[in-house]
Amino acid sequence: MYRSLETITKKRILDKPYKKMKKTILLFTLLVLIKNSNVYSQNFWQPISDPSFGASTSAMIVAKNGNIVANASGWFRYSSNNGSTWNLSTGSNSNTSVHKLIVTANGDIYGNADRLIKSTDNGISWSDISSFRFSNSITDFAINSNGYIFAVMNGIIFKSIDHGSSWDTLSKAFIYPAAISIAISSDNIMFIGTNPWGSGGKIYRSTDNGVNWTSMAGSTFSSTSITLIEINNNNEIYIGTEGMGLSRSLDKGITWTDINSGIPGTNSWISDIVFNNSSGVVFVSVDYMGVFSSSDKGNSWSNISSGLKTSGGTVANPTALAINSSGILFAGTNDFGTYRSTSLPSGISDAIAENIQIKNYPNPAKNNVTFEITLGYSFKKNLNLLFTNSSGRTVKQVSISSSVQNIPLDDLPQGVYSYILQSDSEVLKTGKIIKVL
């Protein structure tokens, strides 16, 4: 079709402001996206896996090398990059359902089923310790500073002095009421929690490796089981119940205080308790209510469940917690995936965080972005930048070898990306960039 020079000229003249307007609209849209993304990042939690992985996460722990190890729907998985991606564990017991994991001083990880299973490679593979089988599943177990393992099954306490290869019956004193939970302090004081049969759920204490037991006054719960006992590095004891919340002892079990202020409801079921031993913060997960934190030994609690959502917008049911050495918190849920905390890791002081300076330009960026990184303290090693998309998945990882580094973006589609500066597994700084075409 014939077009006059005048028509062509008019089209070109009209195209210029149109193209400029189009770029402006695109940039505005991306700025809106990053604004919304910043709102999203203010949530305490971000999803780090698809919901199929979180279908009934029963146990999580951080291995000695920093791997996140989880048992979900009977399968072991591990992540070496703070949950951005997960690998299926191998070995004869990689498909074994457990509900507790313990890391020993030498780095071995133990899990409980109808026997104890073990990983000696930070959760990558799992195997049986021996051919011994209990008649039922072990409800709980603990390991003292000598490496002796104490297991609870059907109210009976068993002891192994050879890392679980063989077992002796230690006591039958807790068949009625039945012992269902156990923990051991750093000075080898043992604590047993029971169900409410008879005189109510109680805490019993032994200072002689389980030979003799004393019922602890003030630890009785008339109509519920003490299903969870956790002890921090200061030997402060926290217990969780099925329906009556939390209690705490600061004097090795002599006296007990209920600590439920800030946790809604009077029938709270506690599914997990973990500690940031550097900052003293306690984290608890409560069935169908979310995750709560306390910086005053449980005297008051703050709800930190923002971002921990189901597809319908309600709070996802947290079933297991873990925390790494940098203070990053991880949560497994029932049916709605695995989550990672997005706030500044409490293992890094604000002063150190302020000394880490990052500049990136241009932002928005098209083909390349330059990062200038200034560290106000000496980092460990292995400095990396991780880029994650809006779903929280790592889409690019770059090893940082100089204080000024140019990073190509040709392999990324347009959009908003979060970046995470890491030294080993320690998160140092986070931010966002916009990729445009």
Protein backbone atom coordinates (compact mmCIF):
# COMPACT_ATOMS: atom_id res chain seq x y z
CA MET A 1 0.00 0.00 0.00
CA TYR A 2 1.30 3.45 -0.94
CA ARG A 3 1.96 5.85 1.94
CA SER A 4 2.99 9.42 1.37
CA LEU A 5 6.13 10.93 2.83
CA GLU A 6 3.90 13.19 4.92
CA THR A 7 2.09 10.17 6.42
CA ILE A 8 5.38 8.42 7.21
CA THR A 9 6.80 11.58 8.76
CA LYS A 10 3.71 12.10 10.91
CA LYS A 11 3.86 8.46 12.08
CA ARG A 12 7.51 8.79 13.11
CA ILE A 13 6.79 12.03 14.92
CA LEU A 14 3.84 10.43 16.72
CA ASP A 15 5.83 7.25 17.48
CA LYS A 16 8.47 9.10 19.52
CA PRO A 17 6.20 10.35 22.32
CA TYR A 18 4.29 7.04 22.18
CA LYS A 19 7.47 5.00 22.70
CA LYS A 20 8.56 7.38 25.43
CA MET A 21 5.15 7.08 27.08
CA LYS A 22 5.33 3.29 26.74
CA LYS A 23 8.71 3.20 28.52
CA THR A 24 7.35 5.54 31.19
CA ILE A 25 4.34 3.30 31.75
CA LEU A 26 6.60 0.22 31.95
CA LEU A 27 8.92 1.93 34.43
CA PHE A 28 5.95 3.13 36.48
CA THR A 29 4.55 -0.41 36.52
CA LEU A 30 7.86 -1.81 37.71
CA LEU A 31 8.12 0.87 40.40
CA VAL A 32 4.64 -0.09 41.57
CA LEU A 33 5.77 -3.72 41.59
CA ILE A 34 8.84 -2.93 43.67
CA LYS A 35 6.74 -0.85 46.04
CA ASN A 36 4.37 -3.77 46.47
CA SER A 37 7.37 -6.07 46.74
CA ASN A 38 8.72 -3.90 49.54
CA VAL A 39 5.39 -4.23 51.30
CA TYR A 40 5.67 -7.99 50.80
CA SER A 41 9.22 -8.00 52.14
CA GLN A 42 7.96 -6.37 55.35
CA ASN A 43 6.28 -9.69 56.13
CA PHE A 44 8.29 -11.72 58.60
CA TRP A 45 8.02 -14.80 56.37
CA GLN A 46 8.50 -15.60 52.71
CA PRO A 47 7.74 -18.95 51.04
CA ILE A 48 10.78 -20.92 49.94
CA SER A 49 9.24 -24.06 48.48
CA ASP A 50 6.09 -25.23 46.75
CA PRO A 51 3.23 -26.43 48.97
CA SER A 52 3.72 -30.09 48.00
CA PHE A 53 6.96 -30.17 49.99
CA GLY A 54 5.31 -28.80 53.11
CA ALA A 55 2.55 -31.41 53.22
CA SER A 56 2.92 -32.27 56.91
CA THR A 57 6.47 -31.20 57.79
CA SER A 58 7.10 -33.08 61.02
CA ALA A 59 10.68 -32.08 61.87
CA MET A 60 13.35 -29.56 60.85
CA ILE A 61 16.89 -28.87 62.03
CA VAL A 62 20.07 -27.09 60.94
CA ALA A 63 23.03 -29.39 60.36
CA LYS A 64 26.53 -28.59 61.57
CA ASN A 65 27.57 -27.41 58.09
CA GLY A 66 24.50 -25.15 57.77
CA ASN A 67 22.29 -27.48 55.72
CA ILE A 68 18.58 -27.17 56.48
CA VAL A 69 17.26 -30.70 57.00
CA ALA A 70 13.55 -31.47 57.03
CA ASN A 71 11.26 -34.47 57.15
CA ALA A 72 8.02 -33.92 55.24
CA SER A 73 5.39 -36.57 54.55
CA GLY A 74 7.94 -39.21 55.49
CA TRP A 75 10.68 -38.01 53.15
CA PHE A 76 13.98 -36.41 54.12
CA ARG A 77 15.18 -33.39 52.15
CA TYR A 78 18.02 -30.96 52.65
CA SER A 79 18.94 -27.51 51.42
CA SER A 80 22.43 -26.03 51.23
CA ASN A 81 21.26 -22.49 50.30
CA ASN A 82 18.92 -21.54 53.14
CA GLY A 83 15.90 -23.22 51.60
CA SER A 84 15.98 -21.65 48.13
CA THR A 85 16.26 -25.13 46.61
CA TRP A 86 15.87 -28.60 48.13
CA ASN A 87 17.38 -32.01 47.40
CA LEU A 88 15.92 -35.40 48.20
CA SER A 89 18.06 -37.32 50.67
CA THR A 90 19.34 -40.77 49.78
CA GLY A 91 19.99 -44.01 51.66
CA SER A 92 17.92 -46.88 52.97
CA ASN A 93 16.00 -44.63 55.37
CA SER A 94 15.46 -41.51 53.29
CA ASN A 95 11.74 -42.39 53.26
CA THR A 96 11.16 -42.70 57.00
CA SER A 97 8.75 -40.54 58.97
CA VAL A 98 10.24 -38.91 62.07
CA HIS A 99 9.04 -36.12 64.34
CA LYS A 100 12.27 -35.13 66.08
CA LEU A 101 15.84 -34.49 64.92
CA ILE A 102 18.94 -33.96 67.07
CA VAL A 103 22.40 -32.84 65.95
CA THR A 104 25.23 -34.16 68.14
CA ALA A 105 28.52 -32.41 68.91
CA ASN A 106 30.32 -34.31 66.13
CA GLY A 107 27.68 -33.37 63.55
CA ASP A 108 25.73 -36.63 63.35
CA ILE A 109 21.95 -36.19 63.04
CA TYR A 110 19.56 -38.62 64.73
CA GLY A 111 15.86 -39.11 64.02
CA ASN A 112 13.23 -41.28 65.74
CA ALA A 113 10.91 -43.90 64.29
CA ASP A 114 10.47 -47.47 65.63
CA ARG A 115 14.25 -47.25 65.97
CA LEU A 116 16.81 -44.47 65.68
CA ILE A 117 18.19 -43.61 62.26
CA LYS A 118 21.24 -41.50 61.58
CA SER A 119 22.87 -39.24 59.02
CA THR A 120 26.63 -38.72 59.17
CA ASP A 121 26.79 -36.34 56.18
CA ASN A 122 24.59 -33.40 57.23
CA GLY A 123 21.30 -34.91 56.11
CA ILE A 124 22.37 -35.98 52.61
CA SER A 125 21.83 -39.68 53.33
CA TRP A 126 20.25 -41.76 56.11
CA SER A 127 20.81 -45.27 57.43
CA ASP A 128 19.86 -47.60 60.29
CA ILE A 129 22.09 -47.63 63.35
CA SER A 130 21.36 -51.31 64.00
CA SER A 131 18.78 -54.00 63.29
CA PHE A 132 17.10 -53.38 66.68
CA ARG A 133 13.42 -52.39 66.50
CA PHE A 134 11.13 -51.14 69.26
CA SER A 135 7.61 -52.56 69.42
CA ASN A 136 6.20 -49.07 68.76
CA SER A 137 7.49 -45.71 67.61
CA ILE A 138 9.80 -43.78 69.91
CA THR A 139 7.76 -40.79 71.12
CA ASP A 140 10.84 -38.76 72.12
CA PHE A 141 14.55 -39.10 72.74
CA ALA A 142 17.51 -37.11 74.08
CA ILE A 143 21.31 -37.39 74.13
CA ASN A 144 23.51 -36.38 77.06
CA SER A 145 27.02 -34.93 77.03
CA ASN A 146 28.53 -38.46 77.25
CA GLY A 147 26.77 -39.51 74.06
CA TYR A 148 24.30 -41.75 75.92
CA ILE A 149 20.88 -41.87 74.26
CA PHE A 150 17.66 -42.01 76.26
CA ALA A 151 14.44 -42.93 74.44
CA VAL A 152 10.80 -42.97 75.52
CA MET A 153 8.39 -45.62 74.20
CA ASN A 154 5.07 -46.68 75.75
CA GLY A 155 5.95 -44.89 78.98
CA ILE A 156 9.18 -46.85 79.36
CA ILE A 157 12.60 -45.19 79.32
CA PHE A 158 15.38 -46.96 77.42
CA LYS A 159 19.09 -46.22 77.49
CA SER A 160 21.85 -46.86 74.95
CA ILE A 161 25.53 -46.32 75.67
CA ASP A 162 26.68 -47.43 72.19
CA HIS A 163 24.98 -44.76 70.04
CA GLY A 164 21.77 -46.75 69.63
CA SER A 165 23.17 -50.13 68.62
CA SER A 166 21.72 -51.80 71.73
CA TRP A 167 19.28 -50.77 74.46
CA ASP A 168 18.59 -51.45 78.13
CA THR A 169 15.36 -50.76 79.99
CA LEU A 170 16.09 -47.91 82.38
CA SER A 171 12.76 -47.48 84.15
CA LYS A 172 9.15 -48.61 84.02
CA ALA A 173 8.06 -45.93 86.47
CA PHE A 174 6.15 -43.91 83.91
CA ILE A 175 3.69 -46.37 82.42
CA TYR A 176 0.92 -44.70 84.45
CA PRO A 177 1.06 -41.79 83.86
CA ALA A 178 3.03 -42.43 80.71
CA ALA A 179 6.25 -40.63 79.88
CA ILE A 180 5.94 -39.01 76.45
CA SER A 181 8.66 -36.34 76.30
CA ILE A 182 12.27 -36.08 77.47
CA ALA A 183 15.11 -33.53 77.54
CA ILE A 184 18.57 -33.34 79.08
CA SER A 185 20.35 -30.17 80.21
CA SER A 186 24.01 -29.44 79.54
CA ASP A 187 24.84 -30.61 83.07
CA ASN A 188 23.09 -33.94 82.42
CA ILE A 189 19.93 -33.35 84.47
CA MET A 190 17.09 -35.31 82.85
CA PHE A 191 13.48 -34.16 82.58
CA ILE A 192 10.44 -36.26 81.69
CA GLY A 193 7.00 -34.96 80.70
CA THR A 194 3.96 -37.20 81.13
CA ASN A 195 0.38 -37.47 79.92
CA PRO A 196 -2.51 -36.54 82.28
CA TRP A 197 -3.55 -40.08 83.27
CA GLY A 198 -3.96 -40.38 87.01
CA SER A 199 -2.83 -37.14 88.68
CA GLY A 200 -2.30 -34.99 85.58
CA GLY A 201 0.57 -34.24 83.24
CA LYS A 202 3.75 -33.50 85.21
CA ILE A 203 7.47 -32.89 84.93
CA TYR A 204 9.81 -35.36 86.64
CA ARG A 205 13.52 -34.76 87.18
CA SER A 206 16.51 -37.07 87.60
CA THR A 207 20.03 -36.04 88.59
CA ASP A 208 21.48 -39.57 88.43
CA ASN A 209 20.91 -40.58 84.79
CA GLY A 210 17.38 -41.83 85.39
CA VAL A 211 17.90 -44.09 88.39
CA ASN A 212 15.70 -41.95 90.66
CA TRP A 213 12.98 -39.44 89.74
CA THR A 214 11.36 -36.53 91.58
CA SER A 215 8.00 -34.97 90.70
CA MET A 216 8.51 -31.22 90.30
CA ALA A 217 6.03 -29.07 92.21
CA GLY A 218 4.12 -26.51 90.16
CA SER A 219 4.56 -28.38 86.90
CA THR A 220 1.22 -30.20 86.96
CA PHE A 221 -1.30 -29.75 84.13
CA SER A 222 -4.55 -31.37 85.21
CA SER A 223 -6.00 -32.22 81.82
CA THR A 224 -3.26 -32.17 79.21
CA SER A 225 -0.04 -33.84 78.13
CA ILE A 226 3.42 -32.30 78.30
CA THR A 227 4.50 -33.15 74.79
CA LEU A 228 7.52 -30.90 74.39
CA ILE A 229 10.51 -30.03 76.57
CA GLU A 230 13.26 -27.74 75.25
CA ILE A 231 16.29 -26.40 77.13
CA ASN A 232 18.45 -23.46 75.97
CA ASN A 233 22.18 -22.88 76.49
CA ASN A 234 21.50 -21.28 79.89
CA ASN A 235 19.65 -24.42 81.05
CA GLU A 236 16.34 -22.54 81.10
CA ILE A 237 13.53 -25.02 80.50
CA TYR A 238 10.45 -24.41 78.35
CA ILE A 239 7.63 -26.93 78.10
CA GLY A 240 4.80 -27.10 75.59
CA THR A 241 1.47 -28.79 76.10
CA GLU A 242 -1.44 -30.06 74.06
CA GLY A 243 -4.03 -27.47 74.98
CA MET A 244 -2.65 -25.42 77.89
CA GLY A 245 0.14 -23.42 76.29
CA LEU A 246 3.60 -22.89 77.75
CA SER A 247 5.40 -23.03 81.07
CA ARG A 248 8.97 -22.15 82.05
CA SER A 249 11.53 -22.86 84.74
CA LEU A 250 14.65 -20.74 85.27
CA ASP A 251 15.99 -22.79 88.18
CA LYS A 252 16.42 -26.26 86.70
CA GLY A 253 12.84 -27.34 87.28
CA ILE A 254 12.41 -26.30 90.92
CA THR A 255 9.72 -23.69 90.19
CA TRP A 256 7.49 -23.15 87.16
CA THR A 257 5.69 -20.18 85.63
CA ASP A 258 2.96 -20.19 82.99
CA ILE A 259 4.01 -17.90 80.12
CA ASN A 260 1.12 -17.38 77.72
CA SER A 261 0.74 -13.58 77.66
CA GLY A 262 0.34 -12.52 74.03
CA ILE A 263 -0.55 -15.97 72.71
CA PRO A 264 -4.28 -15.92 71.88
CA GLY A 265 -6.68 -18.52 73.16
CA THR A 266 -6.69 -20.59 76.31
CA ASN A 267 -6.22 -23.96 74.59
CA SER A 268 -2.94 -23.41 72.76
CA TRP A 269 -1.23 -26.49 71.38
CA ILE A 270 2.52 -25.93 71.14
CA SER A 271 4.12 -27.74 68.21
CA ASP A 272 7.74 -26.56 68.49
CA ILE A 273 10.14 -24.35 70.47
CA VAL A 274 13.55 -23.07 69.29
CA PHE A 275 16.06 -20.57 70.67
CA ASN A 276 18.38 -17.95 69.30
CA ASN A 277 21.05 -18.56 71.92
CA SER A 278 23.01 -15.48 70.81
CA SER A 279 20.21 -12.97 71.35
CA GLY A 280 18.15 -14.87 73.92
CA VAL A 281 15.00 -14.75 71.78
CA VAL A 282 12.58 -17.69 72.09
CA PHE A 283 10.37 -18.77 69.17
CA VAL A 284 7.31 -21.01 69.47
CA SER A 285 4.90 -22.39 66.89
CA VAL A 286 1.29 -22.76 67.94
CA ASP A 287 -1.15 -25.00 66.08
CA TYR A 288 -3.36 -22.96 63.72
CA MET A 289 -2.33 -19.69 65.38
CA GLY A 290 1.11 -19.01 63.93
CA VAL A 291 4.61 -18.31 65.23
CA PHE A 292 5.41 -16.12 68.23
CA SER A 293 8.65 -14.65 69.61
CA SER A 294 9.73 -13.44 73.02
CA SER A 295 12.79 -11.43 74.02
CA ASP A 296 11.99 -11.51 77.76
CA LYS A 297 12.08 -15.25 78.49
CA GLY A 298 8.43 -15.72 77.60
CA ASN A 299 6.95 -13.04 79.87
CA SER A 300 5.37 -11.53 76.75
CA TRP A 301 5.00 -12.74 73.17
CA SER A 302 4.79 -11.03 69.77
CA ASN A 303 2.96 -12.53 66.82
CA ILE A 304 5.42 -12.87 63.92
CA SER A 305 3.13 -14.79 61.57
CA SER A 306 2.88 -12.17 58.81
CA GLY A 307 3.43 -13.84 55.45
CA LEU A 308 2.75 -17.31 56.86
CA LYS A 309 -0.43 -17.76 54.85
CA THR A 310 -2.55 -20.46 53.26
CA SER A 311 -3.98 -20.09 49.79
CA GLY A 312 -7.16 -18.82 51.44
CA GLY A 313 -5.33 -16.09 53.35
CA THR A 314 -5.55 -17.62 56.82
CA VAL A 315 -2.50 -18.40 58.95
CA ALA A 316 -0.78 -21.60 57.80
CA ASN A 317 -0.49 -24.21 60.54
CA PRO A 318 3.20 -24.26 61.64
CA THR A 319 4.42 -27.69 62.63
CA ALA A 320 8.22 -27.40 62.91
CA LEU A 321 10.83 -24.66 63.42
CA ALA A 322 14.59 -24.39 62.94
CA ILE A 323 17.09 -21.55 63.28
CA ASN A 324 20.60 -21.24 61.86
CA SER A 325 23.72 -19.57 63.26
CA SER A 326 22.87 -16.31 61.47
CA GLY A 327 19.50 -16.10 63.18
CA ILE A 328 17.47 -16.99 60.08
CA LEU A 329 14.30 -18.79 61.14
CA PHE A 330 12.66 -21.58 59.12
CA ALA A 331 9.13 -22.95 59.49
CA GLY A 332 7.51 -26.06 58.10
CA THR A 333 3.73 -26.12 57.87
CA ASN A 334 0.94 -28.61 57.41
CA ASP A 335 0.09 -28.57 53.68
CA PHE A 336 1.23 -25.04 52.82
CA GLY A 337 4.95 -25.16 52.19
CA THR A 338 8.13 -24.14 53.90
CA TYR A 339 8.99 -20.58 54.92
CA ARG A 340 12.07 -18.51 55.76
CA SER A 341 12.23 -15.32 57.82
CA THR A 342 12.89 -12.13 55.84
CA SER A 343 13.90 -9.75 58.62
CA LEU A 344 17.50 -8.93 59.53
CA PRO A 345 18.98 -12.03 61.13
CA SER A 346 19.16 -11.46 64.86
CA GLY A 347 22.58 -13.13 64.91
CA ILE A 348 24.04 -10.01 63.23
CA SER A 349 24.12 -6.83 65.28
CA ASP A 350 22.61 -3.62 63.89
CA ALA A 351 26.01 -1.98 64.15
CA ILE A 352 27.60 -4.59 61.90
CA ALA A 353 24.69 -4.39 59.47
CA GLU A 354 25.06 -0.62 59.22
CA ASN A 355 28.76 -1.02 58.40
CA ILE A 356 27.94 -3.07 55.31
CA GLN A 357 27.32 -0.69 52.41
CA ILE A 358 25.98 -1.75 49.02
CA LYS A 359 25.48 0.47 46.00
CA ASN A 360 24.04 -0.86 42.75
CA TYR A 361 23.62 1.07 39.51
CA PRO A 362 21.88 1.58 37.24
CA ASN A 363 18.63 0.58 38.93
CA PRO A 364 16.44 -0.10 36.99
CA ALA A 365 19.03 -1.96 34.90
CA LYS A 366 18.88 -3.37 31.39
CA ASN A 367 21.84 -5.59 30.48
CA ASN A 368 24.21 -5.18 33.42
CA VAL A 369 24.23 -3.92 36.98
CA THR A 370 27.29 -2.84 38.97
CA PHE A 371 27.57 -3.60 42.68
CA GLU A 372 29.91 -1.65 44.96
CA ILE A 373 30.30 -3.50 48.26
CA THR A 374 31.99 -2.09 51.36
CA LEU A 375 32.34 -4.31 54.42
CA GLY A 376 32.98 -2.60 57.73
CA TYR A 377 34.23 -5.84 59.28
CA SER A 378 36.11 -8.88 58.08
CA PHE A 379 33.75 -11.48 56.65
CA LYS A 380 34.48 -15.19 56.81
CA LYS A 381 34.85 -16.27 53.20
CA ASN A 382 32.88 -17.25 50.10
CA LEU A 383 31.10 -13.95 49.49
CA ASN A 384 28.13 -14.43 47.16
CA LEU A 385 25.17 -12.51 45.79
CA LEU A 386 21.95 -14.51 45.40
CA PHE A 387 19.11 -13.17 43.28
CA THR A 388 15.58 -14.44 43.99
CA ASN A 389 12.37 -13.91 42.06
CA SER A 390 8.96 -12.94 43.42
CA SER A 391 8.34 -16.56 44.43
CA GLY A 392 11.45 -16.59 46.61
CA ARG A 393 13.38 -18.97 44.35
CA THR A 394 17.06 -18.38 43.67
CA VAL A 395 17.47 -17.66 39.94
CA LYS A 396 21.05 -16.43 39.89
CA GLN A 397 24.12 -16.72 42.12
CA VAL A 398 27.31 -14.74 41.64
CA SER A 399 30.60 -15.16 43.48
CA ILE A 400 31.94 -11.76 44.55
CA SER A 401 35.66 -11.41 43.93
CA SER A 402 36.15 -7.63 44.17
CA SER A 403 34.58 -4.61 45.88
CA VAL A 404 33.26 -3.37 42.52
CA GLN A 405 31.73 -6.02 40.30
CA ASN A 406 29.73 -5.85 37.10
CA ILE A 407 27.00 -8.48 36.88
CA PRO A 408 25.27 -9.34 33.57
CA LEU A 409 21.49 -9.60 33.63
CA ASP A 410 20.90 -10.94 30.11
CA ASP A 411 19.74 -14.28 31.52
CA LEU A 412 16.93 -12.75 33.58
CA PRO A 413 13.50 -11.69 32.29
CA GLN A 414 12.19 -8.26 33.22
CA GLY A 415 10.83 -7.92 36.74
CA VAL A 416 11.72 -7.19 40.34
CA TYR A 417 14.43 -9.27 42.03
CA SER A 418 15.62 -9.46 45.62
CA TYR A 419 19.35 -9.85 46.21
CA ILE A 420 20.98 -11.42 49.25
CA LEU A 421 24.64 -10.82 50.11
CA GLN A 422 26.04 -13.85 51.92
CA SER A 423 29.33 -14.85 53.51
CA ASP A 424 29.18 -18.64 53.69
CA SER A 425 25.58 -19.14 54.91
CA GLU A 426 25.50 -15.86 56.87
CA VAL A 427 23.17 -13.22 55.43
CA LEU A 428 24.87 -9.81 55.47
CA LYS A 429 22.57 -7.54 53.50
CA THR A 430 19.50 -7.62 51.31
CA GLY A 431 17.94 -5.32 48.71
CA LYS A 432 16.11 -5.18 45.37
CA ILE A 433 16.83 -4.41 41.74
CA ILE A 434 14.57 -3.87 38.70
CA LYS A 435 15.38 -5.57 35.40
CA VAL A 436 13.95 -3.81 32.30
CA LEU A 437 14.10 -4.69 28.60
